Amino acid sequence: DFDFVACSVHNYREFMGGFTDWAQTIADSADAADFRSRVSDSENASMWQSLSFKANYKAAYCLAVCPAGEEVIEPYLDDR
């Protein structure tokens, strides 16, 4: 089944809700090593890019890499 919440969280991660979660993770981390164990380098790079250039949608990327993308897009389009 298509998990709308998972896709929405991924697509909007760098907007306000995701940013505040990321900032809270920084604040909650004991030190740099703890923070790096909680947040991947790619997620940090993506957040930095978002802060530097503006938040962006990841919908095109999401469908391109989602293993369920091919299986769920047709039922989703039929039902929307």
PDB file of N, CA and C in Angstrom:
ATOM      1  N   ASP A   1       0.825  -1.193   0.000  1.00  0.00           N
ATOM      2  CA  ASP A   1       0.000   0.000   0.000  1.00  0.00           C
ATOM      3  C   ASP A   1       0.867   1.253   0.000  1.00  0.00           C
ATOM      4  N   PHE A   2       0.328   2.285  -0.577  1.00  0.00           N
ATOM      5  CA  PHE A   2       1.016   3.575  -0.635  1.00  0.00           C
ATOM      6  C   PHE A   2       0.980   4.233   0.740  1.00  0.00           C
ATOM      7  N   ASP A   3       2.122   4.584   1.284  1.00  0.00           N
ATOM      8  CA  ASP A   3       2.221   5.215   2.601  1.00  0.00           C
ATOM      9  C   ASP A   3       2.374   6.720   2.411  1.00  0.00           C
ATOM     10  N   PHE A   4       1.243   7.426   2.380  1.00  0.00           N
ATOM     11  CA  PHE A   4       1.252   8.860   2.121  1.00  0.00           C
ATOM     12  C   PHE A   4       2.071   9.622   3.149  1.00  0.00           C
ATOM     13  N   VAL A   5       1.949   9.260   4.419  1.00  0.00           N
ATOM     14  CA  VAL A   5       2.663   9.981   5.474  1.00  0.00           C
ATOM     15  C   VAL A   5       4.175   9.865   5.275  1.00  0.00           C
ATOM     16  N   ALA A   6       4.666   8.678   4.952  1.00  0.00           N
ATOM     17  CA  ALA A   6       6.103   8.501   4.724  1.00  0.00           C
ATOM     18  C   ALA A   6       6.578   9.363   3.562  1.00  0.00           C
ATOM     19  N   CYS A   7       5.809   9.389   2.491  1.00  0.00           N
ATOM     20  CA  CYS A   7       6.189  10.216   1.340  1.00  0.00           C
ATOM     21  C   CYS A   7       6.126  11.696   1.684  1.00  0.00           C
ATOM     22  N   SER A   8       5.111  12.091   2.411  1.00  0.00           N
ATOM     23  CA  SER A   8       4.957  13.496   2.792  1.00  0.00           C
ATOM     24  C   SER A   8       6.100  13.948   3.689  1.00  0.00           C
ATOM     25  N   VAL A   9       6.457  13.118   4.669  1.00  0.00           N
ATOM     26  CA  VAL A   9       7.560  13.462   5.566  1.00  0.00           C
ATOM     27  C   VAL A   9       8.855  13.603   4.769  1.00  0.00           C
ATOM     28  N   HIS A  10       9.093  12.677   3.845  1.00  0.00           N
ATOM     29  CA  HIS A  10      10.306  12.748   3.027  1.00  0.00           C
ATOM     30  C   HIS A  10      10.297  13.994   2.144  1.00  0.00           C
ATOM     31  N   ASN A  11       9.178  14.261   1.496  1.00  0.00           N
ATOM     32  CA  ASN A  11       9.097  15.362   0.539  1.00  0.00           C
ATOM     33  C   ASN A  11       9.185  16.725   1.209  1.00  0.00           C
ATOM     34  N   TYR A  12       8.645  16.851   2.409  1.00  0.00           N
ATOM     35  CA  TYR A  12       8.614  18.147   3.082  1.00  0.00           C
ATOM     36  C   TYR A  12       9.610  18.236   4.233  1.00  0.00           C
ATOM     37  N   ARG A  13      10.564  17.337   4.293  1.00  0.00           N
ATOM     38  CA  ARG A  13      11.504  17.264   5.412  1.00  0.00           C
ATOM     39  C   ARG A  13      12.217  18.586   5.666  1.00  0.00           C
ATOM     40  N   GLU A  14      12.546  19.320   4.628  1.00  0.00           N
ATOM     41  CA  GLU A  14      13.350  20.525   4.784  1.00  0.00           C
ATOM     42  C   GLU A  14      12.524  21.786   4.991  1.00  0.00           C
ATOM     43  N   PHE A  15      11.233  21.640   5.128  1.00  0.00           N
ATOM     44  CA  PHE A  15      10.403  22.793   5.443  1.00  0.00           C
ATOM     45  C   PHE A  15      10.354  22.938   6.967  1.00  0.00           C
ATOM     46  N   MET A  16       9.511  23.788   7.494  1.00  0.00           N
ATOM     47  CA  MET A  16       9.563  24.166   8.905  1.00  0.00           C
ATOM     48  C   MET A  16       9.504  22.982   9.873  1.00  0.00           C
ATOM     49  N   GLY A  17       8.585  22.066   9.687  1.00  0.00           N
ATOM     50  CA  GLY A  17       8.475  20.932  10.611  1.00  0.00           C
ATOM     51  C   GLY A  17       9.737  20.092  10.648  1.00  0.00           C
ATOM     52  N   GLY A  18      10.286  19.796   9.490  1.00  0.00           N
ATOM     53  CA  GLY A  18      11.515  19.015   9.426  1.00  0.00           C
ATOM     54  C   GLY A  18      12.707  19.772   9.970  1.00  0.00           C
ATOM     55  N   PHE A  19      12.744  21.071   9.692  1.00  0.00           N
ATOM     56  CA  PHE A  19      13.851  21.879  10.201  1.00  0.00           C
ATOM     57  C   PHE A  19      13.849  21.904  11.725  1.00  0.00           C
ATOM     58  N   THR A  20      12.683  22.104  12.328  1.00  0.00           N
ATOM     59  CA  THR A  20      12.635  22.163  13.792  1.00  0.00           C
ATOM     60  C   THR A  20      13.009  20.811  14.404  1.00  0.00           C
ATOM     61  N   ASP A  21      12.630  19.720  13.751  1.00  0.00           N
ATOM     62  CA  ASP A  21      13.026  18.390  14.219  1.00  0.00           C
ATOM     63  C   ASP A  21      14.544  18.232  14.138  1.00  0.00           C
ATOM     64  N   TRP A  22      15.130  18.671  13.036  1.00  0.00           N
ATOM     65  CA  TRP A  22      16.580  18.603  12.845  1.00  0.00           C
ATOM     66  C   TRP A  22      17.300  19.453  13.897  1.00  0.00           C
ATOM     67  N   ALA A  23      16.807  20.669  14.130  1.00  0.00           N
ATOM     68  CA  ALA A  23      17.405  21.556  15.137  1.00  0.00           C
ATOM     69  C   ALA A  23      17.288  20.948  16.537  1.00  0.00           C
ATOM     70  N   GLN A  24      16.164  20.317  16.824  1.00  0.00           N
ATOM     71  CA  GLN A  24      15.983  19.661  18.126  1.00  0.00           C
ATOM     72  C   GLN A  24      16.974  18.516  18.288  1.00  0.00           C
ATOM     73  N   THR A  25      17.237  17.802  17.198  1.00  0.00           N
ATOM     74  CA  THR A  25      18.221  16.720  17.246  1.00  0.00           C
ATOM     75  C   THR A  25      19.600  17.271  17.582  1.00  0.00           C
ATOM     76  N   ILE A  26      19.941  18.431  17.009  1.00  0.00           N
ATOM     77  CA  ILE A  26      21.219  19.068  17.348  1.00  0.00           C
ATOM     78  C   ILE A  26      21.252  19.383  18.838  1.00  0.00           C
ATOM     79  N   ALA A  27      20.200  20.012  19.325  1.00  0.00           N
ATOM     80  CA  ALA A  27      20.152  20.420  20.736  1.00  0.00           C
ATOM     81  C   ALA A  27      20.193  19.224  21.685  1.00  0.00           C
ATOM     82  N   ASP A  28      19.576  18.129  21.289  1.00  0.00           N
ATOM     83  CA  ASP A  28      19.514  16.949  22.155  1.00  0.00           C
ATOM     84  C   ASP A  28      20.787  16.105  22.136  1.00  0.00           C
ATOM     85  N   SER A  29      21.645  16.325  21.160  1.00  0.00           N
ATOM     86  CA  SER A  29      22.857  15.515  21.026  1.00  0.00           C
ATOM     87  C   SER A  29      23.890  15.909  22.077  1.00  0.00           C
ATOM     88  N   ALA A  30      24.544  14.914  22.634  1.00  0.00           N
ATOM     89  CA  ALA A  30      25.549  15.155  23.677  1.00  0.00           C
ATOM     90  C   ALA A  30      26.800  15.818  23.116  1.00  0.00           C
ATOM     91  N   ASP A  31      27.167  15.431  21.897  1.00  0.00           N
ATOM     92  CA  ASP A  31      28.353  15.987  21.250  1.00  0.00           C
ATOM     93  C   ASP A  31      28.258  15.707  19.752  1.00  0.00           C
ATOM     94  N   ALA A  32      29.301  16.076  19.016  1.00  0.00           N
ATOM     95  CA  ALA A  32      29.279  15.911  17.560  1.00  0.00           C
ATOM     96  C   ALA A  32      29.121  14.446  17.154  1.00  0.00           C
ATOM     97  N   ALA A  33      29.808  13.560  17.847  1.00  0.00           N
ATOM     98  CA  ALA A  33      29.719  12.134  17.512  1.00  0.00           C
ATOM     99  C   ALA A  33      28.294  11.611  17.718  1.00  0.00           C
ATOM    100  N   ASP A  34      27.659  12.038  18.785  1.00  0.00           N
ATOM    101  CA  ASP A  34      26.276  11.638  19.047  1.00  0.00           C
ATOM    102  C   ASP A  34      25.359  12.160  17.940  1.00  0.00           C
ATOM    103  N   PHE A  35      25.545  13.422  17.570  1.00  0.00           N
ATOM    104  CA  PHE A  35      24.728  13.997  16.497  1.00  0.00           C
ATOM    105  C   PHE A  35      24.920  13.233  15.195  1.00  0.00           C
ATOM    106  N   ARG A  36      26.166  12.930  14.851  1.00  0.00           N
ATOM    107  CA  ARG A  36      26.437  12.219  13.595  1.00  0.00           C
ATOM    108  C   ARG A  36      25.890  10.797  13.624  1.00  0.00           C
ATOM    109  N   SER A  37      25.726  10.227  14.806  1.00  0.00           N
ATOM    110  CA  SER A  37      25.129   8.891  14.890  1.00  0.00           C
ATOM    111  C   SER A  37      23.610   8.957  14.694  1.00  0.00           C
ATOM    112  N   ARG A  38      23.033  10.125  14.911  1.00  0.00           N
ATOM    113  CA  ARG A  38      21.583  10.307  14.783  1.00  0.00           C
ATOM    114  C   ARG A  38      21.163  10.769  13.392  1.00  0.00           C
ATOM    115  N   VAL A  39      22.024  11.542  12.731  1.00  0.00           N
ATOM    116  CA  VAL A  39      21.668  12.153  11.449  1.00  0.00           C
ATOM    117  C   VAL A  39      22.764  11.835  10.438  1.00  0.00           C
ATOM    118  N   SER A  40      22.361  11.305   9.283  1.00  0.00           N
ATOM    119  CA  SER A  40      23.347  10.928   8.268  1.00  0.00           C
ATOM    120  C   SER A  40      23.985  12.158   7.622  1.00  0.00           C
ATOM    121  N   ASP A  41      25.161  11.951   7.059  1.00  0.00           N
ATOM    122  CA  ASP A  41      25.835  13.037   6.349  1.00  0.00           C
ATOM    123  C   ASP A  41      24.983  13.546   5.192  1.00  0.00           C
ATOM    124  N   SER A  42      24.310  12.634   4.494  1.00  0.00           N
ATOM    125  CA  SER A  42      23.494  13.065   3.353  1.00  0.00           C
ATOM    126  C   SER A  42      22.302  13.901   3.808  1.00  0.00           C
ATOM    127  N   GLU A  43      21.710  13.567   4.950  1.00  0.00           N
ATOM    128  CA  GLU A  43      20.602  14.376   5.456  1.00  0.00           C
ATOM    129  C   GLU A  43      21.097  15.756   5.886  1.00  0.00           C
ATOM    130  N   ASN A  44      22.258  15.812   6.522  1.00  0.00           N
ATOM    131  CA  ASN A  44      22.827  17.106   6.904  1.00  0.00           C
ATOM    132  C   ASN A  44      23.160  17.948   5.679  1.00  0.00           C
ATOM    133  N   ALA A  45      23.729  17.320   4.660  1.00  0.00           N
ATOM    134  CA  ALA A  45      24.051  18.052   3.432  1.00  0.00           C
ATOM    135  C   ALA A  45      22.784  18.580   2.776  1.00  0.00           C
ATOM    136  N   SER A  46      21.748  17.778   2.769  1.00  0.00           N
ATOM    137  CA  SER A  46      20.477  18.200   2.189  1.00  0.00           C
ATOM    138  C   SER A  46      19.876  19.365   2.964  1.00  0.00           C
ATOM    139  N   MET A  47      19.951  19.303   4.292  1.00  0.00           N
ATOM    140  CA  MET A  47      19.430  20.399   5.110  1.00  0.00           C
ATOM    141  C   MET A  47      20.260  21.663   4.902  1.00  0.00           C
ATOM    142  N   TRP A  48      21.577  21.523   4.838  1.00  0.00           N
ATOM    143  CA  TRP A  48      22.450  22.676   4.591  1.00  0.00           C
ATOM    144  C   TRP A  48      22.110  23.313   3.252  1.00  0.00           C
ATOM    145  N   GLN A  49      21.940  22.474   2.231  1.00  0.00           N
ATOM    146  CA  GLN A  49      21.599  22.993   0.906  1.00  0.00           C
ATOM    147  C   GLN A  49      20.265  23.724   0.952  1.00  0.00           C
ATOM    148  N   SER A  50      19.318  23.183   1.674  1.00  0.00           N
ATOM    149  CA  SER A  50      18.013  23.817   1.818  1.00  0.00           C
ATOM    150  C   SER A  50      18.138  25.172   2.513  1.00  0.00           C
ATOM    151  N   LEU A  51      18.941  25.235   3.566  1.00  0.00           N
ATOM    152  CA  LEU A  51      19.136  26.491   4.284  1.00  0.00           C
ATOM    153  C   LEU A  51      19.882  27.512   3.428  1.00  0.00           C
ATOM    154  N   SER A  52      20.775  27.041   2.575  1.00  0.00           N
ATOM    155  CA  SER A  52      21.575  27.938   1.745  1.00  0.00           C
ATOM    156  C   SER A  52      20.817  28.470   0.539  1.00  0.00           C
ATOM    157  N   PHE A  53      19.983  27.633  -0.049  1.00  0.00           N
ATOM    158  CA  PHE A  53      19.363  27.991  -1.323  1.00  0.00           C
ATOM    159  C   PHE A  53      17.848  28.061  -1.289  1.00  0.00           C
ATOM    160  N   LYS A  54      17.193  27.595  -0.302  1.00  0.00           N
ATOM    161  CA  LYS A  54      15.768  27.558   0.000  1.00  0.00           C
ATOM    162  C   LYS A  54      15.279  26.115  -0.007  1.00  0.00           C
ATOM    163  N   ALA A  55      14.254  25.903   0.761  1.00  0.00           N
ATOM    164  CA  ALA A  55      13.676  24.552   0.844  1.00  0.00           C
ATOM    165  C   ALA A  55      13.138  24.154  -0.517  1.00  0.00           C
ATOM    166  N   ASN A  56      13.211  22.871  -0.809  1.00  0.00           N
ATOM    167  CA  ASN A  56      12.770  22.396  -2.112  1.00  0.00           C
ATOM    168  C   ASN A  56      12.016  21.084  -1.941  1.00  0.00           C
ATOM    169  N   TYR A  57      11.168  20.803  -2.887  1.00  0.00           N
ATOM    170  CA  TYR A  57      10.422  19.553  -2.882  1.00  0.00           C
ATOM    171  C   TYR A  57      11.295  18.434  -3.411  1.00  0.00           C
ATOM    172  N   LYS A  58      11.048  17.223  -2.948  1.00  0.00           N
ATOM    173  CA  LYS A  58      11.814  16.073  -3.404  1.00  0.00           C
ATOM    174  C   LYS A  58      10.937  15.068  -4.142  1.00  0.00           C
ATOM    175  N   ALA A  59       9.808  15.494  -4.627  1.00  0.00           N
ATOM    176  CA  ALA A  59       8.861  14.551  -5.218  1.00  0.00           C
ATOM    177  C   ALA A  59       9.455  13.792  -6.394  1.00  0.00           C
ATOM    178  N   ALA A  60      10.167  14.456  -7.272  1.00  0.00           N
ATOM    179  CA  ALA A  60      10.732  13.764  -8.430  1.00  0.00           C
ATOM    180  C   ALA A  60      11.741  12.717  -7.979  1.00  0.00           C
ATOM    181  N   TYR A  61      12.564  13.076  -7.023  1.00  0.00           N
ATOM    182  CA  TYR A  61      13.549  12.141  -6.484  1.00  0.00           C
ATOM    183  C   TYR A  61      12.851  10.987  -5.782  1.00  0.00           C
ATOM    184  N   CYS A  62      11.812  11.301  -5.039  1.00  0.00           N
ATOM    185  CA  CYS A  62      11.100  10.294  -4.259  1.00  0.00           C
ATOM    186  C   CYS A  62      10.596   9.166  -5.158  1.00  0.00           C
ATOM    187  N   LEU A  63       9.910   9.505  -6.228  1.00  0.00           N
ATOM    188  CA  LEU A  63       9.361   8.493  -7.120  1.00  0.00           C
ATOM    189  C   LEU A  63      10.465   7.737  -7.847  1.00  0.00           C
ATOM    190  N   ALA A  64      11.565   8.440  -8.132  1.00  0.00           N
ATOM    191  CA  ALA A  64      12.659   7.806  -8.855  1.00  0.00           C
ATOM    192  C   ALA A  64      13.349   6.716  -8.037  1.00  0.00           C
ATOM    193  N   VAL A  65      13.406   6.869  -6.734  1.00  0.00           N
ATOM    194  CA  VAL A  65      14.142   5.907  -5.908  1.00  0.00           C
ATOM    195  C   VAL A  65      13.257   5.002  -5.067  1.00  0.00           C
ATOM    196  N   CYS A  66      11.978   5.305  -4.963  1.00  0.00           N
ATOM    197  CA  CYS A  66      11.088   4.514  -4.118  1.00  0.00           C
ATOM    198  C   CYS A  66      10.873   3.137  -4.736  1.00  0.00           C
ATOM    199  N   PRO A  67      11.222   2.078  -4.016  1.00  0.00           N
ATOM    200  CA  PRO A  67      11.033   0.745  -4.586  1.00  0.00           C
ATOM    201  C   PRO A  67       9.565   0.413  -4.826  1.00  0.00           C
ATOM    202  N   ALA A  68       8.671   1.074  -4.128  1.00  0.00           N
ATOM    203  CA  ALA A  68       7.244   0.826  -4.328  1.00  0.00           C
ATOM    204  C   ALA A  68       6.649   1.775  -5.359  1.00  0.00           C
ATOM    205  N   GLY A  69       7.432   2.714  -5.853  1.00  0.00           N
ATOM    206  CA  GLY A  69       6.922   3.724  -6.777  1.00  0.00           C
ATOM    207  C   GLY A  69       6.182   3.143  -7.968  1.00  0.00           C
ATOM    208  N   GLU A  70       6.806   2.207  -8.645  1.00  0.00           N
ATOM    209  CA  GLU A  70       6.195   1.596  -9.824  1.00  0.00           C
ATOM    210  C   GLU A  70       4.914   0.841  -9.462  1.00  0.00           C
ATOM    211  N   GLU A  71       4.906   0.213  -8.302  1.00  0.00           N
ATOM    212  CA  GLU A  71       3.773  -0.608  -7.913  1.00  0.00           C
ATOM    213  C   GLU A  71       2.581   0.199  -7.426  1.00  0.00           C
ATOM    214  N   VAL A  72       2.817   1.367  -6.863  1.00  0.00           N
ATOM    215  CA  VAL A  72       1.716   2.108  -6.248  1.00  0.00           C
ATOM    216  C   VAL A  72       1.257   3.324  -7.027  1.00  0.00           C
ATOM    217  N   ILE A  73       2.014   3.750  -8.029  1.00  0.00           N
ATOM    218  CA  ILE A  73       1.631   4.974  -8.727  1.00  0.00           C
ATOM    219  C   ILE A  73       0.308   4.811  -9.480  1.00  0.00           C
ATOM    220  N   GLU A  74       0.103   3.687 -10.130  1.00  0.00           N
ATOM    221  CA  GLU A  74      -1.142   3.506 -10.889  1.00  0.00           C
ATOM    222  C   GLU A  74      -2.373   3.497  -9.985  1.00  0.00           C
ATOM    223  N   PRO A  75      -2.395   2.706  -8.887  1.00  0.00           N
ATOM    224  CA  PRO A  75      -3.557   2.772  -7.994  1.00  0.00           C
ATOM    225  C   PRO A  75      -3.756   4.172  -7.405  1.00  0.00           C
ATOM    226  N   TYR A  76      -2.664   4.852  -7.111  1.00  0.00           N
ATOM    227  CA  TYR A  76      -2.765   6.221  -6.583  1.00  0.00           C
ATOM    228  C   TYR A  76      -3.409   7.145  -7.619  1.00  0.00           C
ATOM    229  N   LEU A  77      -2.940   7.075  -8.853  1.00  0.00           N
ATOM    230  CA  LEU A  77      -3.499   7.939  -9.899  1.00  0.00           C
ATOM    231  C   LEU A  77      -4.963   7.612 -10.176  1.00  0.00           C
ATOM    232  N   ASP A  78      -5.315   6.330 -10.123  1.00  0.00           N
ATOM    233  CA  ASP A  78      -6.709   5.931 -10.343  1.00  0.00           C
ATOM    234  C   ASP A  78      -7.630   6.445  -9.246  1.00  0.00           C
ATOM    235  N   ASP A  79      -7.115   6.584  -8.039  1.00  0.00           N
ATOM    236  CA  ASP A  79      -7.938   6.934  -6.885  1.00  0.00           C
ATOM    237  C   ASP A  79      -7.930   8.419  -6.526  1.00  0.00           C
ATOM    238  N   ARG A  80      -7.095   9.206  -7.171  1.00  0.00           N
ATOM    239  CA  ARG A  80      -6.999  10.609  -6.732  1.00  0.00           C
ATOM    240  C   ARG A  80      -8.099  11.496  -7.218  1.00  0.00           C
TER     241      ARG A  80
END
